[in-house]
Amino acid sequence: MASRVELTPAAAQLLRKLGGDHGSLMFHQSGGCCDGSAPMCFPAGEFRTGGSDVLLAELPVEGLDQPVSFWMSTSQFERWRHTHLTVDVVQGRGSGFSLEAPEGVRFLIRSRLLTEEESAALDG
């Protein structure tokens, strides 16, 4: 099954820890500014989404009761709709607003172009 977003094992492990500390989680892909372009992790519902946002995925994480939703602004999605996103985690200072910041790591996105088959399945 085609998906626009997936997690690395390291990202899933960190989400299990964060979920244990904060409950249900969500991501919103930052479009820049003071956050850079990092996926920002929040307790579910803390970042308000609306008509100007697109839900790209509900990511199941073993050990969490609820999938982790992954959101992006509609305008950014229009520019990124041809990409597959992989959420990873690396050493370094995360955003002060994202839940992983105190852990000494940060989430980041690795991307690749969708294949023709993936694009057809996702956009069809």
N, C-alpha and C. Protein backbone atom coordinates (compact mmCIF):
# COMPACT_ATOMS: atom_id res chain seq x y z
N MET A 1 0.84 -1.18 0.00
CA MET A 1 0.00 0.00 0.00
C MET A 1 0.89 1.24 0.00
N ALA A 2 0.59 2.17 -0.87
CA ALA A 2 1.39 3.39 -0.99
C ALA A 2 1.10 4.33 0.18
N SER A 3 2.14 5.00 0.64
CA SER A 3 2.01 5.96 1.72
C SER A 3 2.92 7.14 1.43
N ARG A 4 2.51 8.30 1.86
CA ARG A 4 3.35 9.50 1.67
C ARG A 4 4.38 9.65 2.78
N VAL A 5 4.17 8.99 3.92
CA VAL A 5 5.02 9.20 5.09
C VAL A 5 5.32 7.87 5.77
N GLU A 6 6.55 7.71 6.23
CA GLU A 6 6.91 6.55 7.05
C GLU A 6 7.89 7.01 8.13
N LEU A 7 8.11 6.12 9.09
CA LEU A 7 9.02 6.38 10.21
C LEU A 7 10.21 5.45 10.15
N THR A 8 11.38 5.93 10.50
CA THR A 8 12.52 5.05 10.71
C THR A 8 12.33 4.36 12.06
N PRO A 9 13.02 3.23 12.29
CA PRO A 9 12.95 2.60 13.61
C PRO A 9 13.36 3.56 14.74
N ALA A 10 14.35 4.41 14.51
CA ALA A 10 14.78 5.36 15.55
C ALA A 10 13.68 6.37 15.86
N ALA A 11 12.98 6.84 14.84
CA ALA A 11 11.87 7.78 15.06
C ALA A 11 10.74 7.10 15.81
N ALA A 12 10.42 5.86 15.45
CA ALA A 12 9.36 5.12 16.15
C ALA A 12 9.73 4.92 17.62
N GLN A 13 10.98 4.61 17.89
CA GLN A 13 11.42 4.41 19.28
C GLN A 13 11.27 5.70 20.08
N LEU A 14 11.67 6.83 19.51
CA LEU A 14 11.53 8.10 20.21
C LEU A 14 10.04 8.44 20.41
N LEU A 15 9.20 8.15 19.43
CA LEU A 15 7.77 8.41 19.58
C LEU A 15 7.16 7.57 20.69
N ARG A 16 7.64 6.33 20.85
CA ARG A 16 7.14 5.51 21.96
C ARG A 16 7.47 6.18 23.30
N LYS A 17 8.69 6.70 23.43
CA LYS A 17 9.07 7.39 24.67
C LYS A 17 8.23 8.64 24.86
N LEU A 18 8.12 9.46 23.82
CA LEU A 18 7.36 10.70 23.92
C LEU A 18 5.88 10.42 24.19
N GLY A 19 5.35 9.37 23.57
CA GLY A 19 3.96 9.00 23.81
C GLY A 19 3.74 8.56 25.24
N GLY A 20 4.71 7.87 25.81
CA GLY A 20 4.61 7.48 27.21
C GLY A 20 4.60 8.68 28.14
N ASP A 21 5.32 9.72 27.74
CA ASP A 21 5.41 10.93 28.56
C ASP A 21 4.25 11.89 28.34
N HIS A 22 3.73 11.95 27.09
CA HIS A 22 2.78 13.01 26.71
C HIS A 22 1.43 12.50 26.20
N GLY A 23 1.26 11.20 26.03
CA GLY A 23 0.00 10.68 25.48
C GLY A 23 0.02 10.69 23.96
N SER A 24 -1.15 10.79 23.35
CA SER A 24 -1.28 10.77 21.89
C SER A 24 -0.49 11.92 21.27
N LEU A 25 0.08 11.64 20.08
CA LEU A 25 0.99 12.60 19.43
C LEU A 25 0.54 12.95 18.03
N MET A 26 1.08 14.05 17.54
CA MET A 26 0.87 14.46 16.15
C MET A 26 2.14 15.17 15.66
N PHE A 27 2.31 15.17 14.33
CA PHE A 27 3.34 15.97 13.68
C PHE A 27 2.67 17.05 12.85
N HIS A 28 3.33 18.19 12.75
CA HIS A 28 3.01 19.17 11.72
C HIS A 28 4.33 19.54 11.07
N GLN A 29 4.39 19.37 9.76
CA GLN A 29 5.62 19.68 9.03
C GLN A 29 5.77 21.18 8.93
N SER A 30 6.81 21.70 9.54
CA SER A 30 7.06 23.13 9.52
C SER A 30 7.44 23.58 8.11
N GLY A 31 7.00 24.77 7.78
CA GLY A 31 7.31 25.33 6.48
C GLY A 31 8.47 26.28 6.50
N GLY A 32 9.17 26.37 7.60
CA GLY A 32 10.33 27.26 7.67
C GLY A 32 10.23 28.21 8.84
N CYS A 33 10.73 29.41 8.65
CA CYS A 33 10.76 30.44 9.69
C CYS A 33 11.68 29.99 10.82
N CYS A 34 11.31 30.23 12.05
CA CYS A 34 12.20 29.95 13.17
C CYS A 34 12.40 28.46 13.42
N ASP A 35 11.54 27.61 12.85
CA ASP A 35 11.65 26.17 13.07
C ASP A 35 12.50 25.49 12.01
N GLY A 36 12.99 26.21 11.03
CA GLY A 36 13.63 25.56 9.89
C GLY A 36 12.54 24.87 9.09
N SER A 37 12.79 23.66 8.68
CA SER A 37 11.78 22.88 7.95
C SER A 37 11.64 21.51 8.58
N ALA A 38 11.60 21.49 9.89
CA ALA A 38 11.56 20.24 10.63
C ALA A 38 10.13 19.79 10.88
N PRO A 39 9.93 18.47 10.97
CA PRO A 39 8.62 18.01 11.43
C PRO A 39 8.53 18.26 12.94
N MET A 40 7.49 18.96 13.35
CA MET A 40 7.33 19.34 14.75
C MET A 40 6.37 18.36 15.41
N CYS A 41 6.75 17.82 16.55
CA CYS A 41 5.95 16.84 17.28
C CYS A 41 5.27 17.52 18.47
N PHE A 42 3.96 17.30 18.59
CA PHE A 42 3.16 17.90 19.65
C PHE A 42 2.25 16.84 20.27
N PRO A 43 1.75 17.09 21.48
CA PRO A 43 0.64 16.26 21.95
C PRO A 43 -0.52 16.44 20.95
N ALA A 44 -1.23 15.37 20.67
CA ALA A 44 -2.33 15.43 19.70
C ALA A 44 -3.29 16.55 20.06
N GLY A 45 -3.61 17.37 19.07
CA GLY A 45 -4.54 18.47 19.25
C GLY A 45 -3.92 19.75 19.76
N GLU A 46 -2.66 19.73 20.20
CA GLU A 46 -2.05 20.96 20.71
C GLU A 46 -1.78 21.95 19.59
N PHE A 47 -1.41 21.46 18.43
CA PHE A 47 -1.24 22.32 17.26
C PHE A 47 -2.57 22.30 16.52
N ARG A 48 -3.18 23.43 16.39
CA ARG A 48 -4.50 23.49 15.76
C ARG A 48 -4.37 23.36 14.25
N THR A 49 -5.07 22.39 13.71
CA THR A 49 -5.15 22.22 12.26
C THR A 49 -6.53 22.63 11.80
N GLY A 50 -6.63 22.93 10.52
CA GLY A 50 -7.92 23.36 9.97
C GLY A 50 -7.95 23.18 8.47
N GLY A 51 -8.76 23.96 7.83
CA GLY A 51 -8.95 23.86 6.39
C GLY A 51 -7.72 24.18 5.57
N SER A 52 -6.73 24.82 6.19
CA SER A 52 -5.50 25.14 5.46
C SER A 52 -4.43 24.08 5.66
N ASP A 53 -4.81 22.92 6.24
CA ASP A 53 -3.87 21.83 6.48
C ASP A 53 -4.35 20.55 5.82
N VAL A 54 -3.40 19.68 5.49
CA VAL A 54 -3.68 18.38 4.88
C VAL A 54 -3.15 17.29 5.80
N LEU A 55 -3.97 16.28 6.06
CA LEU A 55 -3.54 15.11 6.82
C LEU A 55 -2.90 14.15 5.83
N LEU A 56 -1.58 13.96 5.93
CA LEU A 56 -0.86 13.09 5.00
C LEU A 56 -0.90 11.63 5.42
N ALA A 57 -0.90 11.37 6.74
CA ALA A 57 -0.83 9.98 7.19
C ALA A 57 -1.25 9.87 8.65
N GLU A 58 -1.71 8.67 9.00
CA GLU A 58 -1.91 8.24 10.37
C GLU A 58 -0.91 7.11 10.57
N LEU A 59 0.17 7.38 11.29
CA LEU A 59 1.30 6.46 11.38
C LEU A 59 1.16 5.56 12.60
N PRO A 60 0.96 4.26 12.39
CA PRO A 60 0.90 3.36 13.53
C PRO A 60 2.30 3.19 14.14
N VAL A 61 2.35 3.19 15.46
CA VAL A 61 3.61 2.99 16.17
C VAL A 61 3.35 1.90 17.20
N GLU A 62 4.07 0.80 17.06
CA GLU A 62 3.92 -0.30 18.02
C GLU A 62 4.17 0.21 19.42
N GLY A 63 3.27 -0.10 20.33
CA GLY A 63 3.40 0.34 21.71
C GLY A 63 2.60 1.59 22.04
N LEU A 64 2.08 2.27 21.01
CA LEU A 64 1.21 3.43 21.25
C LEU A 64 -0.23 3.05 20.93
N ASP A 65 -1.15 3.55 21.73
CA ASP A 65 -2.56 3.23 21.54
C ASP A 65 -3.16 3.88 20.30
N GLN A 66 -2.67 5.07 19.96
CA GLN A 66 -3.21 5.83 18.83
C GLN A 66 -2.12 6.05 17.79
N PRO A 67 -2.49 6.03 16.50
CA PRO A 67 -1.50 6.38 15.48
C PRO A 67 -1.09 7.85 15.63
N VAL A 68 0.06 8.18 15.10
CA VAL A 68 0.58 9.54 15.13
C VAL A 68 0.19 10.20 13.81
N SER A 69 -0.61 11.25 13.89
CA SER A 69 -1.04 11.94 12.67
C SER A 69 0.09 12.83 12.15
N PHE A 70 0.13 12.98 10.84
CA PHE A 70 1.17 13.80 10.20
C PHE A 70 0.47 14.80 9.29
N TRP A 71 0.61 16.08 9.61
CA TRP A 71 -0.06 17.18 8.92
C TRP A 71 0.93 18.09 8.23
N MET A 72 0.44 18.81 7.23
CA MET A 72 1.23 19.79 6.49
C MET A 72 0.26 20.85 5.96
N SER A 73 0.73 22.08 5.82
CA SER A 73 -0.14 23.11 5.24
C SER A 73 -0.45 22.75 3.79
N THR A 74 -1.62 23.15 3.34
CA THR A 74 -2.05 22.86 1.98
C THR A 74 -1.09 23.45 0.96
N SER A 75 -0.64 24.67 1.18
CA SER A 75 0.27 25.31 0.22
C SER A 75 1.60 24.57 0.14
N GLN A 76 2.12 24.11 1.26
CA GLN A 76 3.36 23.34 1.24
C GLN A 76 3.14 21.98 0.58
N PHE A 77 2.01 21.35 0.87
CA PHE A 77 1.70 20.06 0.26
C PHE A 77 1.67 20.16 -1.27
N GLU A 78 1.15 21.25 -1.79
CA GLU A 78 1.11 21.42 -3.25
C GLU A 78 2.51 21.40 -3.85
N ARG A 79 3.49 21.89 -3.11
CA ARG A 79 4.87 21.86 -3.59
C ARG A 79 5.53 20.51 -3.34
N TRP A 80 5.10 19.77 -2.31
CA TRP A 80 5.75 18.53 -1.90
C TRP A 80 4.96 17.29 -2.28
N ARG A 81 3.83 17.42 -2.97
CA ARG A 81 2.94 16.29 -3.20
C ARG A 81 3.60 15.15 -3.97
N HIS A 82 4.68 15.42 -4.67
CA HIS A 82 5.37 14.40 -5.46
C HIS A 82 6.45 13.67 -4.65
N THR A 83 6.53 13.93 -3.33
CA THR A 83 7.59 13.33 -2.52
C THR A 83 7.05 12.35 -1.49
N HIS A 84 7.89 11.38 -1.18
CA HIS A 84 7.66 10.46 -0.08
C HIS A 84 8.56 10.94 1.05
N LEU A 85 7.99 11.04 2.26
CA LEU A 85 8.72 11.59 3.41
C LEU A 85 9.01 10.48 4.41
N THR A 86 10.24 10.45 4.88
CA THR A 86 10.63 9.53 5.94
C THR A 86 11.05 10.36 7.14
N VAL A 87 10.34 10.16 8.26
CA VAL A 87 10.67 10.87 9.50
C VAL A 87 11.79 10.10 10.18
N ASP A 88 12.88 10.79 10.44
CA ASP A 88 14.04 10.20 11.10
C ASP A 88 14.37 11.05 12.32
N VAL A 89 15.34 10.60 13.09
CA VAL A 89 15.78 11.35 14.26
C VAL A 89 17.32 11.34 14.27
N VAL A 90 17.91 12.49 14.60
CA VAL A 90 19.36 12.62 14.65
C VAL A 90 19.74 13.38 15.91
N GLN A 91 20.99 13.26 16.30
CA GLN A 91 21.51 14.03 17.43
C GLN A 91 21.48 15.50 17.08
N GLY A 92 21.23 16.32 18.04
CA GLY A 92 21.25 17.76 17.81
C GLY A 92 20.06 18.43 18.48
N ARG A 93 20.12 19.71 18.54
CA ARG A 93 19.07 20.47 19.20
C ARG A 93 17.86 20.59 18.31
N GLY A 94 16.73 20.14 18.82
CA GLY A 94 15.47 20.29 18.10
C GLY A 94 14.87 21.65 18.35
N SER A 95 13.72 21.87 17.77
CA SER A 95 13.01 23.12 17.97
C SER A 95 12.55 23.23 19.41
N GLY A 96 12.54 24.42 19.94
CA GLY A 96 12.06 24.64 21.29
C GLY A 96 10.59 24.32 21.46
N PHE A 97 9.82 24.23 20.36
CA PHE A 97 8.39 23.97 20.43
C PHE A 97 8.07 22.48 20.27
N SER A 98 8.98 21.69 19.77
CA SER A 98 8.73 20.29 19.49
C SER A 98 9.11 19.43 20.70
N LEU A 99 8.34 18.37 20.94
CA LEU A 99 8.50 17.57 22.16
C LEU A 99 9.87 16.93 22.34
N GLU A 100 10.60 16.68 21.26
CA GLU A 100 11.89 16.01 21.40
C GLU A 100 13.01 16.94 21.82
N ALA A 101 12.79 18.24 21.85
CA ALA A 101 13.85 19.21 22.13
C ALA A 101 14.64 18.89 23.41
N PRO A 102 14.01 18.53 24.51
CA PRO A 102 14.79 18.24 25.73
C PRO A 102 15.60 16.94 25.67
N GLU A 103 15.36 16.13 24.66
CA GLU A 103 16.03 14.83 24.55
C GLU A 103 17.42 14.91 23.90
N GLY A 104 17.80 16.07 23.39
CA GLY A 104 19.10 16.22 22.74
C GLY A 104 19.12 15.66 21.33
N VAL A 105 17.95 15.46 20.75
CA VAL A 105 17.81 14.97 19.38
C VAL A 105 16.77 15.83 18.68
N ARG A 106 16.66 15.61 17.37
CA ARG A 106 15.64 16.32 16.61
C ARG A 106 15.12 15.43 15.50
N PHE A 107 13.85 15.60 15.21
CA PHE A 107 13.27 14.92 14.06
C PHE A 107 13.70 15.66 12.80
N LEU A 108 13.84 14.93 11.71
CA LEU A 108 14.08 15.54 10.41
C LEU A 108 13.41 14.69 9.36
N ILE A 109 13.27 15.27 8.18
CA ILE A 109 12.63 14.59 7.05
C ILE A 109 13.70 14.22 6.03
N ARG A 110 13.63 12.99 5.59
CA ARG A 110 14.39 12.55 4.42
C ARG A 110 13.35 12.32 3.33
N SER A 111 13.64 12.73 2.13
CA SER A 111 12.61 12.63 1.09
C SER A 111 13.18 12.01 -0.18
N ARG A 112 12.26 11.48 -0.95
CA ARG A 112 12.57 10.96 -2.28
C ARG A 112 11.34 11.21 -3.14
N LEU A 113 11.52 11.17 -4.43
CA LEU A 113 10.38 11.31 -5.32
C LEU A 113 9.52 10.06 -5.25
N LEU A 114 8.22 10.25 -5.32
CA LEU A 114 7.32 9.10 -5.42
C LEU A 114 7.51 8.43 -6.78
N THR A 115 7.34 7.12 -6.83
CA THR A 115 7.36 6.44 -8.11
C THR A 115 6.06 6.76 -8.84
N GLU A 116 6.01 6.49 -10.12
CA GLU A 116 4.78 6.72 -10.90
C GLU A 116 3.63 5.90 -10.31
N GLU A 117 3.94 4.67 -9.89
CA GLU A 117 2.90 3.82 -9.32
C GLU A 117 2.39 4.38 -8.00
N GLU A 118 3.29 4.86 -7.14
CA GLU A 118 2.88 5.46 -5.87
C GLU A 118 2.03 6.71 -6.11
N SER A 119 2.47 7.55 -7.03
CA SER A 119 1.71 8.77 -7.34
C SER A 119 0.31 8.44 -7.82
N ALA A 120 0.19 7.45 -8.70
CA ALA A 120 -1.12 7.07 -9.22
C ALA A 120 -2.00 6.54 -8.09
N ALA A 121 -1.44 5.73 -7.19
CA ALA A 121 -2.23 5.17 -6.10
C ALA A 121 -2.65 6.25 -5.10
N LEU A 122 -1.78 7.21 -4.83
CA LEU A 122 -2.07 8.24 -3.83
C LEU A 122 -2.97 9.34 -4.37
N ASP A 123 -2.81 9.70 -5.62
CA ASP A 123 -3.58 10.79 -6.20
C ASP A 123 -4.83 10.32 -6.92
N GLY A 124 -4.93 8.99 -7.13
CA GLY A 124 -6.07 8.44 -7.87
C GLY A 124 -7.27 8.38 -7.01
